[in-house]
Amino acid sequence: MDARDAAIKAKLEAVKDNSAEIKALEDQANAIMRAARAEIASALNKMRKETAEEVEKLLQEGKRRMEAELEEALEALEKERDETVLALEKQIVQLEEEIVKKVLPVS
């Protein structure tokens, strides 16, 4: 019986020693998980920042392009307006001449 008791005690001691090792491994695994979570959070923050910068860059590029197109359209409208004014001025001169001819008889 003493041999059996000794074997049981030895197994219990081994399990107790093993539980300390398991605890150390759990602590190590938890530390690794915390580090991984921190690394992931950092990577996500970096990616969000880069994405925000890229979106801002694209927005600014689109805004510049729209402003350039608007400027071109305004210039085209102004040119068209000037051409229309010139055409109207010519028509006004022709109408004046016709009115003068109708009102004042040729002698």
PDB file of N, CA and C in Angstrom:
ATOM      1  N   MET A   1       0.802  -1.189   0.000  1.00  0.00           N
ATOM      2  CA  MET A   1       0.000   0.000   0.000  1.00  0.00           C
ATOM      3  C   MET A   1       0.853   1.265   0.000  1.00  0.00           C
ATOM      4  N   ASP A   2       1.986   1.182   0.669  1.00  0.00           N
ATOM      5  CA  ASP A   2       2.869   2.345   0.708  1.00  0.00           C
ATOM      6  C   ASP A   2       3.361   2.695  -0.694  1.00  0.00           C
ATOM      7  N   ALA A   3       3.628   1.698  -1.486  1.00  0.00           N
ATOM      8  CA  ALA A   3       4.088   1.957  -2.845  1.00  0.00           C
ATOM      9  C   ALA A   3       2.981   2.616  -3.657  1.00  0.00           C
ATOM     10  N   ARG A   4       1.769   2.133  -3.426  1.00  0.00           N
ATOM     11  CA  ARG A   4       0.623   2.709  -4.146  1.00  0.00           C
ATOM     12  C   ARG A   4       0.403   4.150  -3.714  1.00  0.00           C
ATOM     13  N   ASP A   5       0.451   4.423  -2.430  1.00  0.00           N
ATOM     14  CA  ASP A   5       0.303   5.788  -1.914  1.00  0.00           C
ATOM     15  C   ASP A   5       1.410   6.688  -2.468  1.00  0.00           C
ATOM     16  N   ALA A   6       2.586   6.173  -2.529  1.00  0.00           N
ATOM     17  CA  ALA A   6       3.714   6.948  -3.039  1.00  0.00           C
ATOM     18  C   ALA A   6       3.507   7.265  -4.513  1.00  0.00           C
ATOM     19  N   ALA A   7       2.998   6.287  -5.267  1.00  0.00           N
ATOM     20  CA  ALA A   7       2.752   6.526  -6.694  1.00  0.00           C
ATOM     21  C   ALA A   7       1.660   7.573  -6.881  1.00  0.00           C
ATOM     22  N   ILE A   8       0.601   7.486  -6.092  1.00  0.00           N
ATOM     23  CA  ILE A   8      -0.491   8.463  -6.184  1.00  0.00           C
ATOM     24  C   ILE A   8       0.019   9.852  -5.814  1.00  0.00           C
ATOM     25  N   LYS A   9       0.817   9.938  -4.742  1.00  0.00           N
ATOM     26  CA  LYS A   9       1.373  11.229  -4.327  1.00  0.00           C
ATOM     27  C   LYS A   9       2.285  11.793  -5.419  1.00  0.00           C
ATOM     28  N   ALA A  10       3.056  10.932  -6.033  1.00  0.00           N
ATOM     29  CA  ALA A  10       3.960  11.378  -7.094  1.00  0.00           C
ATOM     30  C   ALA A  10       3.159  11.925  -8.275  1.00  0.00           C
ATOM     31  N   LYS A  11       2.061  11.231  -8.630  1.00  0.00           N
ATOM     32  CA  LYS A  11       1.208  11.709  -9.733  1.00  0.00           C
ATOM     33  C   LYS A  11       0.553  13.041  -9.389  1.00  0.00           C
ATOM     34  N   LEU A  12       0.091  13.166  -8.128  1.00  0.00           N
ATOM     35  CA  LEU A  12      -0.512  14.429  -7.686  1.00  0.00           C
ATOM     36  C   LEU A  12       0.493  15.578  -7.740  1.00  0.00           C
ATOM     37  N   GLU A  13       1.720  15.295  -7.292  1.00  0.00           N
ATOM     38  CA  GLU A  13       2.769  16.312  -7.345  1.00  0.00           C
ATOM     39  C   GLU A  13       3.066  16.697  -8.793  1.00  0.00           C
ATOM     40  N   ALA A  14       3.071  15.708  -9.684  1.00  0.00           N
ATOM     41  CA  ALA A  14       3.327  15.984 -11.089  1.00  0.00           C
ATOM     42  C   ALA A  14       2.221  16.860 -11.667  1.00  0.00           C
ATOM     43  N   VAL A  15       0.971  16.559 -11.279  1.00  0.00           N
ATOM     44  CA  VAL A  15      -0.156  17.360 -11.747  1.00  0.00           C
ATOM     45  C   VAL A  15      -0.052  18.774 -11.190  1.00  0.00           C
ATOM     46  N   LYS A  16       0.303  18.916  -9.913  1.00  0.00           N
ATOM     47  CA  LYS A  16       0.461  20.248  -9.314  1.00  0.00           C
ATOM     48  C   LYS A  16       1.564  21.021 -10.039  1.00  0.00           C
ATOM     49  N   ASP A  17       2.671  20.341 -10.303  1.00  0.00           N
ATOM     50  CA  ASP A  17       3.754  20.988 -11.033  1.00  0.00           C
ATOM     51  C   ASP A  17       3.289  21.350 -12.445  1.00  0.00           C
ATOM     52  N   ASN A  18       2.510  20.483 -13.032  1.00  0.00           N
ATOM     53  CA  ASN A  18       1.977  20.681 -14.378  1.00  0.00           C
ATOM     54  C   ASN A  18       1.021  21.877 -14.411  1.00  0.00           C
ATOM     55  N   SER A  19       0.211  22.057 -13.376  1.00  0.00           N
ATOM     56  CA  SER A  19      -0.754  23.160 -13.347  1.00  0.00           C
ATOM     57  C   SER A  19      -0.035  24.505 -13.328  1.00  0.00           C
ATOM     58  N   ALA A  20       1.106  24.579 -12.668  1.00  0.00           N
ATOM     59  CA  ALA A  20       1.890  25.821 -12.678  1.00  0.00           C
ATOM     60  C   ALA A  20       2.396  26.094 -14.086  1.00  0.00           C
ATOM     61  N   GLU A  21       2.820  25.047 -14.776  1.00  0.00           N
ATOM     62  CA  GLU A  21       3.290  25.200 -16.151  1.00  0.00           C
ATOM     63  C   GLU A  21       2.148  25.614 -17.066  1.00  0.00           C
ATOM     64  N   ILE A  22       0.964  24.998 -16.846  1.00  0.00           N
ATOM     65  CA  ILE A  22      -0.220  25.354 -17.637  1.00  0.00           C
ATOM     66  C   ILE A  22      -0.591  26.807 -17.386  1.00  0.00           C
ATOM     67  N   LYS A  23      -0.534  27.237 -16.150  1.00  0.00           N
ATOM     68  CA  LYS A  23      -0.842  28.632 -15.808  1.00  0.00           C
ATOM     69  C   LYS A  23       0.129  29.574 -16.514  1.00  0.00           C
ATOM     70  N   ALA A  24       1.393  29.213 -16.521  1.00  0.00           N
ATOM     71  CA  ALA A  24       2.400  30.037 -17.194  1.00  0.00           C
ATOM     72  C   ALA A  24       2.116  30.094 -18.701  1.00  0.00           C
ATOM     73  N   LEU A  25       1.755  28.947 -19.280  1.00  0.00           N
ATOM     74  CA  LEU A  25       1.433  28.923 -20.708  1.00  0.00           C
ATOM     75  C   LEU A  25       0.180  29.744 -21.007  1.00  0.00           C
ATOM     76  N   GLU A  26      -0.829  29.678 -20.126  1.00  0.00           N
ATOM     77  CA  GLU A  26      -2.041  30.497 -20.301  1.00  0.00           C
ATOM     78  C   GLU A  26      -1.704  31.977 -20.249  1.00  0.00           C
ATOM     79  N   ASP A  27      -0.871  32.343 -19.287  1.00  0.00           N
ATOM     80  CA  ASP A  27      -0.457  33.747 -19.169  1.00  0.00           C
ATOM     81  C   ASP A  27       0.288  34.200 -20.426  1.00  0.00           C
ATOM     82  N   GLN A  28       1.152  33.325 -20.914  1.00  0.00           N
ATOM     83  CA  GLN A  28       1.905  33.638 -22.131  1.00  0.00           C
ATOM     84  C   GLN A  28       0.951  33.773 -23.323  1.00  0.00           C
ATOM     85  N   ALA A  29      -0.018  32.866 -23.427  1.00  0.00           N
ATOM     86  CA  ALA A  29      -0.997  32.930 -24.524  1.00  0.00           C
ATOM     87  C   ALA A  29      -1.823  34.210 -24.425  1.00  0.00           C
ATOM     88  N   ASN A  30      -2.230  34.578 -23.207  1.00  0.00           N
ATOM     89  CA  ASN A  30      -2.990  35.819 -23.021  1.00  0.00           C
ATOM     90  C   ASN A  30      -2.169  37.042 -23.414  1.00  0.00           C
ATOM     91  N   ALA A  31      -0.889  37.027 -23.077  1.00  0.00           N
ATOM     92  CA  ALA A  31      -0.017  38.143 -23.442  1.00  0.00           C
ATOM     93  C   ALA A  31       0.119  38.226 -24.957  1.00  0.00           C
ATOM     94  N   ILE A  32       0.252  37.085 -25.616  1.00  0.00           N
ATOM     95  CA  ILE A  32       0.356  37.064 -27.073  1.00  0.00           C
ATOM     96  C   ILE A  32      -0.936  37.596 -27.699  1.00  0.00           C
ATOM     97  N   MET A  33      -2.078  37.186 -27.150  1.00  0.00           N
ATOM     98  CA  MET A  33      -3.369  37.659 -27.671  1.00  0.00           C
ATOM     99  C   MET A  33      -3.510  39.167 -27.490  1.00  0.00           C
ATOM    100  N   ARG A  34      -3.102  39.687 -26.313  1.00  0.00           N
ATOM    101  CA  ARG A  34      -3.175  41.140 -26.089  1.00  0.00           C
ATOM    102  C   ARG A  34      -2.290  41.877 -27.089  1.00  0.00           C
ATOM    103  N   ALA A  35      -1.092  41.354 -27.316  1.00  0.00           N
ATOM    104  CA  ALA A  35      -0.180  41.986 -28.269  1.00  0.00           C
ATOM    105  C   ALA A  35      -0.760  41.933 -29.683  1.00  0.00           C
ATOM    106  N   ALA A  36      -1.364  40.806 -30.037  1.00  0.00           N
ATOM    107  CA  ALA A  36      -1.963  40.669 -31.370  1.00  0.00           C
ATOM    108  C   ALA A  36      -3.131  41.635 -31.528  1.00  0.00           C
ATOM    109  N   ARG A  37      -3.957  41.755 -30.491  1.00  0.00           N
ATOM    110  CA  ARG A  37      -5.087  42.699 -30.554  1.00  0.00           C
ATOM    111  C   ARG A  37      -4.595  44.130 -30.704  1.00  0.00           C
ATOM    112  N   ALA A  38      -3.549  44.466 -29.958  1.00  0.00           N
ATOM    113  CA  ALA A  38      -2.993  45.817 -30.057  1.00  0.00           C
ATOM    114  C   ALA A  38      -2.427  46.061 -31.453  1.00  0.00           C
ATOM    115  N   GLU A  39      -1.754  45.054 -32.002  1.00  0.00           N
ATOM    116  CA  GLU A  39      -1.191  45.185 -33.347  1.00  0.00           C
ATOM    117  C   GLU A  39      -2.298  45.335 -34.385  1.00  0.00           C
ATOM    118  N   ILE A  40      -3.376  44.567 -34.238  1.00  0.00           N
ATOM    119  CA  ILE A  40      -4.505  44.659 -35.162  1.00  0.00           C
ATOM    120  C   ILE A  40      -5.166  46.029 -35.053  1.00  0.00           C
ATOM    121  N   ALA A  41      -5.353  46.503 -33.828  1.00  0.00           N
ATOM    122  CA  ALA A  41      -5.964  47.821 -33.636  1.00  0.00           C
ATOM    123  C   ALA A  41      -5.098  48.904 -34.274  1.00  0.00           C
ATOM    124  N   SER A  42      -3.793  48.783 -34.108  1.00  0.00           N
ATOM    125  CA  SER A  42      -2.880  49.758 -34.708  1.00  0.00           C
ATOM    126  C   SER A  42      -2.953  49.704 -36.227  1.00  0.00           C
ATOM    127  N   ALA A  43      -2.980  48.488 -36.770  1.00  0.00           N
ATOM    128  CA  ALA A  43      -3.070  48.343 -38.230  1.00  0.00           C
ATOM    129  C   ALA A  43      -4.387  48.903 -38.751  1.00  0.00           C
ATOM    130  N   LEU A  44      -5.483  48.658 -38.022  1.00  0.00           N
ATOM    131  CA  LEU A  44      -6.783  49.193 -38.437  1.00  0.00           C
ATOM    132  C   LEU A  44      -6.786  50.714 -38.409  1.00  0.00           C
ATOM    133  N   ASN A  45      -6.226  51.284 -37.355  1.00  0.00           N
ATOM    134  CA  ASN A  45      -6.160  52.746 -37.273  1.00  0.00           C
ATOM    135  C   ASN A  45      -5.327  53.326 -38.410  1.00  0.00           C
ATOM    136  N   LYS A  46      -4.213  52.663 -38.707  1.00  0.00           N
ATOM    137  CA  LYS A  46      -3.367  53.123 -39.809  1.00  0.00           C
ATOM    138  C   LYS A  46      -4.122  53.032 -41.130  1.00  0.00           C
ATOM    139  N   MET A  47      -4.825  51.923 -41.325  1.00  0.00           N
ATOM    140  CA  MET A  47      -5.575  51.735 -42.562  1.00  0.00           C
ATOM    141  C   MET A  47      -6.697  52.762 -42.667  1.00  0.00           C
ATOM    142  N   ARG A  48      -7.378  53.044 -41.561  1.00  0.00           N
ATOM    143  CA  ARG A  48      -8.441  54.061 -41.577  1.00  0.00           C
ATOM    144  C   ARG A  48      -7.869  55.421 -41.956  1.00  0.00           C
ATOM    145  N   LYS A  49      -6.726  55.741 -41.378  1.00  0.00           N
ATOM    146  CA  LYS A  49      -6.098  57.031 -41.661  1.00  0.00           C
ATOM    147  C   LYS A  49      -5.709  57.108 -43.140  1.00  0.00           C
ATOM    148  N   GLU A  50      -5.099  56.040 -43.649  1.00  0.00           N
ATOM    149  CA  GLU A  50      -4.698  56.033 -45.062  1.00  0.00           C
ATOM    150  C   GLU A  50      -5.917  56.133 -45.971  1.00  0.00           C
ATOM    151  N   THR A  51      -6.982  55.423 -45.602  1.00  0.00           N
ATOM    152  CA  THR A  51      -8.204  55.464 -46.404  1.00  0.00           C
ATOM    153  C   THR A  51      -8.800  56.863 -46.386  1.00  0.00           C
ATOM    154  N   ALA A  52      -8.834  57.477 -45.215  1.00  0.00           N
ATOM    155  CA  ALA A  52      -9.367  58.840 -45.104  1.00  0.00           C
ATOM    156  C   ALA A  52      -8.533  59.811 -45.946  1.00  0.00           C
ATOM    157  N   GLU A  53      -7.222  59.640 -45.922  1.00  0.00           N
ATOM    158  CA  GLU A  53      -6.355  60.507 -46.723  1.00  0.00           C
ATOM    159  C   GLU A  53      -6.612  60.296 -48.210  1.00  0.00           C
ATOM    160  N   GLU A  54      -6.767  59.041 -48.608  1.00  0.00           N
ATOM    161  CA  GLU A  54      -7.024  58.728 -50.017  1.00  0.00           C
ATOM    162  C   GLU A  54      -8.366  59.310 -50.462  1.00  0.00           C
ATOM    163  N   VAL A  55      -9.377  59.165 -49.607  1.00  0.00           N
ATOM    164  CA  VAL A  55     -10.701  59.715 -49.930  1.00  0.00           C
ATOM    165  C   VAL A  55     -10.624  61.231 -50.055  1.00  0.00           C
ATOM    166  N   GLU A  56      -9.917  61.863 -49.137  1.00  0.00           N
ATOM    167  CA  GLU A  56      -9.764  63.320 -49.186  1.00  0.00           C
ATOM    168  C   GLU A  56      -9.035  63.739 -50.457  1.00  0.00           C
ATOM    169  N   LYS A  57      -8.007  62.979 -50.815  1.00  0.00           N
ATOM    170  CA  LYS A  57      -7.254  63.273 -52.039  1.00  0.00           C
ATOM    171  C   LYS A  57      -8.162  63.152 -53.261  1.00  0.00           C
ATOM    172  N   LEU A  58      -8.961  62.079 -53.313  1.00  0.00           N
ATOM    173  CA  LEU A  58      -9.881  61.898 -54.435  1.00  0.00           C
ATOM    174  C   LEU A  58     -10.939  62.991 -54.479  1.00  0.00           C
ATOM    175  N   LEU A  59     -11.433  63.387 -53.306  1.00  0.00           N
ATOM    176  CA  LEU A  59     -12.418  64.468 -53.255  1.00  0.00           C
ATOM    177  C   LEU A  59     -11.821  65.780 -53.766  1.00  0.00           C
ATOM    178  N   GLN A  60     -10.613  66.082 -53.347  1.00  0.00           N
ATOM    179  CA  GLN A  60      -9.963  67.314 -53.790  1.00  0.00           C
ATOM    180  C   GLN A  60      -9.711  67.278 -55.297  1.00  0.00           C
ATOM    181  N   GLU A  61      -9.294  66.112 -55.792  1.00  0.00           N
ATOM    182  CA  GLU A  61      -9.064  65.967 -57.230  1.00  0.00           C
ATOM    183  C   GLU A  61     -10.368  66.159 -58.002  1.00  0.00           C
ATOM    184  N   GLY A  62     -11.437  65.559 -57.513  1.00  0.00           N
ATOM    185  CA  GLY A  62     -12.744  65.722 -58.148  1.00  0.00           C
ATOM    186  C   GLY A  62     -13.206  67.168 -58.096  1.00  0.00           C
ATOM    187  N   LYS A  63     -12.972  67.813 -56.973  1.00  0.00           N
ATOM    188  CA  LYS A  63     -13.361  69.213 -56.831  1.00  0.00           C
ATOM    189  C   LYS A  63     -12.591  70.096 -57.813  1.00  0.00           C
ATOM    190  N   ARG A  64     -11.276  69.849 -57.931  1.00  0.00           N
ATOM    191  CA  ARG A  64     -10.477  70.629 -58.884  1.00  0.00           C
ATOM    192  C   ARG A  64     -10.968  70.401 -60.311  1.00  0.00           C
ATOM    193  N   ARG A  65     -11.269  69.146 -60.638  1.00  0.00           N
ATOM    194  CA  ARG A  65     -11.737  68.825 -61.982  1.00  0.00           C
ATOM    195  C   ARG A  65     -13.074  69.517 -62.251  1.00  0.00           C
ATOM    196  N   MET A  66     -13.983  69.473 -61.277  1.00  0.00           N
ATOM    197  CA  MET A  66     -15.287  70.121 -61.444  1.00  0.00           C
ATOM    198  C   MET A  66     -15.134  71.636 -61.577  1.00  0.00           C
ATOM    199  N   GLU A  67     -14.240  72.215 -60.787  1.00  0.00           N
ATOM    200  CA  GLU A  67     -14.025  73.657 -60.882  1.00  0.00           C
ATOM    201  C   GLU A  67     -13.451  74.032 -62.254  1.00  0.00           C
ATOM    202  N   ALA A  68     -12.553  73.199 -62.775  1.00  0.00           N
ATOM    203  CA  ALA A  68     -11.983  73.467 -64.101  1.00  0.00           C
ATOM    204  C   ALA A  68     -13.061  73.355 -65.171  1.00  0.00           C
ATOM    205  N   GLU A  69     -13.910  72.334 -65.073  1.00  0.00           N
ATOM    206  CA  GLU A  69     -14.998  72.178 -66.042  1.00  0.00           C
ATOM    207  C   GLU A  69     -15.980  73.344 -65.943  1.00  0.00           C
ATOM    208  N   LEU A  70     -16.262  73.772 -64.728  1.00  0.00           N
ATOM    209  CA  LEU A  70     -17.161  74.904 -64.524  1.00  0.00           C
ATOM    210  C   LEU A  70     -16.562  76.169 -65.137  1.00  0.00           C
ATOM    211  N   GLU A  71     -15.279  76.369 -64.932  1.00  0.00           N
ATOM    212  CA  GLU A  71     -14.604  77.541 -65.489  1.00  0.00           C
ATOM    213  C   GLU A  71     -14.676  77.517 -67.015  1.00  0.00           C
ATOM    214  N   GLU A  72     -14.437  76.335 -67.605  1.00  0.00           N
ATOM    215  CA  GLU A  72     -14.527  76.218 -69.063  1.00  0.00           C
ATOM    216  C   GLU A  72     -15.945  76.508 -69.542  1.00  0.00           C
ATOM    217  N   ALA A  73     -16.935  75.986 -68.825  1.00  0.00           N
ATOM    218  CA  ALA A  73     -18.326  76.206 -69.215  1.00  0.00           C
ATOM    219  C   ALA A  73     -18.688  77.686 -69.105  1.00  0.00           C
ATOM    220  N   LEU A  74     -18.220  78.343 -68.060  1.00  0.00           N
ATOM    221  CA  LEU A  74     -18.491  79.775 -67.903  1.00  0.00           C
ATOM    222  C   LEU A  74     -17.836  80.587 -69.013  1.00  0.00           C
ATOM    223  N   GLU A  75     -16.616  80.206 -69.371  1.00  0.00           N
ATOM    224  CA  GLU A  75     -15.941  80.911 -70.460  1.00  0.00           C
ATOM    225  C   GLU A  75     -16.693  80.706 -71.778  1.00  0.00           C
ATOM    226  N   ALA A  76     -17.154  79.490 -72.014  1.00  0.00           N
ATOM    227  CA  ALA A  76     -17.909  79.210 -73.237  1.00  0.00           C
ATOM    228  C   ALA A  76     -19.209  80.007 -73.251  1.00  0.00           C
ATOM    229  N   LEU A  77     -19.897  80.081 -72.109  1.00  0.00           N
ATOM    230  CA  LEU A  77     -21.134  80.868 -72.029  1.00  0.00           C
ATOM    231  C   LEU A  77     -20.874  82.350 -72.266  1.00  0.00           C
ATOM    232  N   GLU A  78     -19.792  82.838 -71.712  1.00  0.00           N
ATOM    233  CA  GLU A  78     -19.472  84.255 -71.900  1.00  0.00           C
ATOM    234  C   GLU A  78     -19.150  84.535 -73.370  1.00  0.00           C
ATOM    235  N   LYS A  79     -18.422  83.636 -73.998  1.00  0.00           N
ATOM    236  CA  LYS A  79     -18.115  83.789 -75.422  1.00  0.00           C
ATOM    237  C   LYS A  79     -19.399  83.757 -76.243  1.00  0.00           C
ATOM    238  N   GLU A  80     -20.274  82.835 -75.926  1.00  0.00           N
ATOM    239  CA  GLU A  80     -21.547  82.725 -76.633  1.00  0.00           C
ATOM    240  C   GLU A  80     -22.384  83.991 -76.427  1.00  0.00           C
ATOM    241  N   ARG A  81     -22.366  84.511 -75.208  1.00  0.00           N
ATOM    242  CA  ARG A  81     -23.100  85.752 -74.924  1.00  0.00           C
ATOM    243  C   ARG A  81     -22.561  86.904 -75.760  1.00  0.00           C
ATOM    244  N   ASP A  82     -21.231  87.013 -75.833  1.00  0.00           N
ATOM    245  CA  ASP A  82     -20.618  88.080 -76.630  1.00  0.00           C
ATOM    246  C   ASP A  82     -20.996  87.954 -78.100  1.00  0.00           C
ATOM    247  N   GLU A  83     -20.973  86.701 -78.605  1.00  0.00           N
ATOM    248  CA  GLU A  83     -21.349  86.485 -79.996  1.00  0.00           C
ATOM    249  C   GLU A  83     -22.814  86.840 -80.227  1.00  0.00           C
ATOM    250  N   THR A  84     -23.662  86.507 -79.273  1.00  0.00           N
ATOM    251  CA  THR A  84     -25.094  86.822 -79.387  1.00  0.00           C
ATOM    252  C   THR A  84     -25.303  88.331 -79.365  1.00  0.00           C
ATOM    253  N   VAL A  85     -24.586  89.029 -78.500  1.00  0.00           N
ATOM    254  CA  VAL A  85     -24.698  90.484 -78.433  1.00  0.00           C
ATOM    255  C   VAL A  85     -24.267  91.102 -79.759  1.00  0.00           C
ATOM    256  N   LEU A  86     -23.181  90.617 -80.333  1.00  0.00           N
ATOM    257  CA  LEU A  86     -22.732  91.145 -81.627  1.00  0.00           C
ATOM    258  C   LEU A  86     -23.768  90.883 -82.712  1.00  0.00           C
ATOM    259  N   ALA A  87     -24.329  89.691 -82.726  1.00  0.00           N
ATOM    260  CA  ALA A  87     -25.346  89.369 -83.723  1.00  0.00           C
ATOM    261  C   ALA A  87     -26.568  90.274 -83.537  1.00  0.00           C
ATOM    262  N   LEU A  88     -26.970  90.509 -82.303  1.00  0.00           N
ATOM    263  CA  LEU A  88     -28.123  91.378 -82.032  1.00  0.00           C
ATOM    264  C   LEU A  88     -27.831  92.810 -82.446  1.00  0.00           C
ATOM    265  N   GLU A  89     -26.618  93.266 -82.201  1.00  0.00           N
ATOM    266  CA  GLU A  89     -26.255  94.624 -82.597  1.00  0.00           C
ATOM    267  C   GLU A  89     -26.350  94.788 -84.113  1.00  0.00           C
ATOM    268  N   LYS A  90     -25.910  93.759 -84.850  1.00  0.00           N
ATOM    269  CA  LYS A  90     -26.014  93.812 -86.307  1.00  0.00           C
ATOM    270  C   LYS A  90     -27.485  93.854 -86.724  1.00  0.00           C
ATOM    271  N   GLN A  91     -28.318  93.046 -86.071  1.00  0.00           N
ATOM    272  CA  GLN A  91     -29.748  93.032 -86.400  1.00  0.00           C
ATOM    273  C   GLN A  91     -30.392  94.367 -86.050  1.00  0.00           C
ATOM    274  N   ILE A  92     -29.955  94.973 -84.959  1.00  0.00           N
ATOM    275  CA  ILE A  92     -30.499  96.278 -84.566  1.00  0.00           C
ATOM    276  C   ILE A  92     -30.171  97.316 -85.630  1.00  0.00           C
ATOM    277  N   VAL A  93     -28.931  97.303 -86.112  1.00  0.00           N
ATOM    278  CA  VAL A  93     -28.536  98.257 -87.153  1.00  0.00           C
ATOM    279  C   VAL A  93     -29.383  98.038 -88.398  1.00  0.00           C
ATOM    280  N   GLN A  94     -29.615  96.783 -88.803  1.00  0.00           N
ATOM    281  CA  GLN A  94     -30.423  96.491 -89.989  1.00  0.00           C
ATOM    282  C   GLN A  94     -31.862  96.949 -89.782  1.00  0.00           C
ATOM    283  N   LEU A  95     -32.409  96.675 -88.576  1.00  0.00           N
ATOM    284  CA  LEU A  95     -33.785  97.110 -88.294  1.00  0.00           C
ATOM    285  C   LEU A  95     -33.890  98.634 -88.306  1.00  0.00           C
ATOM    286  N   GLU A  96     -32.902  99.311 -87.770  1.00  0.00           N
ATOM    287  CA  GLU A  96     -32.908 100.778 -87.780  1.00  0.00           C
ATOM    288  C   GLU A  96     -32.955 101.286 -89.213  1.00  0.00           C
ATOM    289  N   GLU A  97     -32.132 100.686 -90.057  1.00  0.00           N
ATOM    290  CA  GLU A  97     -32.099 101.114 -91.464  1.00  0.00           C
ATOM    291  C   GLU A  97     -33.439 100.880 -92.143  1.00  0.00           C
ATOM    292  N   GLU A  98     -34.061  99.714 -91.880  1.00  0.00           N
ATOM    293  CA  GLU A  98     -35.366  99.412 -92.478  1.00  0.00           C
ATOM    294  C   GLU A  98     -36.440 100.377 -91.977  1.00  0.00           C
ATOM    295  N   ILE A  99     -36.417 100.655 -90.684  1.00  0.00           N
ATOM    296  CA  ILE A  99     -37.394 101.583 -90.117  1.00  0.00           C
ATOM    297  C   ILE A  99     -37.218 102.971 -90.712  1.00  0.00           C
ATOM    298  N   VAL A 100     -35.982 103.401 -90.825  1.00  0.00           N
ATOM    299  CA  VAL A 100     -35.712 104.726 -91.382  1.00  0.00           C
ATOM    300  C   VAL A 100     -36.196 104.774 -92.821  1.00  0.00           C
ATOM    301  N   LYS A 101     -35.994 103.727 -93.588  1.00  0.00           N
ATOM    302  CA  LYS A 101     -36.448 103.699 -94.971  1.00  0.00           C
ATOM    303  C   LYS A 101     -37.958 103.749 -95.055  1.00  0.00           C
ATOM    304  N   LYS A 102     -38.648 103.075 -94.142  1.00  0.00           N
ATOM    305  CA  LYS A 102     -40.120 103.061 -94.161  1.00  0.00           C
ATOM    306  C   LYS A 102     -40.698 104.366 -93.663  1.00  0.00           C
ATOM    307  N   VAL A 103     -40.076 104.956 -92.688  1.00  0.00           N
ATOM    308  CA  VAL A 103     -40.612 106.169 -92.103  1.00  0.00           C
ATOM    309  C   VAL A 103     -40.296 107.385 -92.977  1.00  0.00           C
ATOM    310  N   LEU A 104     -39.087 107.453 -93.401  1.00  0.00           N
ATOM    311  CA  LEU A 104     -38.685 108.587 -94.235  1.00  0.00           C
ATOM    312  C   LEU A 104     -38.724 108.147 -95.704  1.00  0.00           C
ATOM    313  N   PRO A 105     -39.634 108.715 -96.457  1.00  0.00           N
ATOM    314  CA  PRO A 105     -39.718 108.322 -97.874  1.00  0.00           C
ATOM    315  C   PRO A 105     -38.502 108.816 -98.635  1.00  0.00           C
ATOM    316  N   VAL A 106     -38.166 108.066 -99.630  1.00  0.00           N
ATOM    317  CA  VAL A 106     -37.018 108.427-100.474  1.00  0.00           C
ATOM    318  C   VAL A 106     -37.517 109.510-101.429  1.00  0.00           C
ATOM    319  N   SER A 107     -36.780 110.587-101.566  1.00  0.00           N
ATOM    320  CA  SER A 107     -37.238 111.651-102.427  1.00  0.00           C
ATOM    321  C   SER A 107     -36.587 111.656-103.767  1.00  0.00           C
TER     322      SER A 107
END
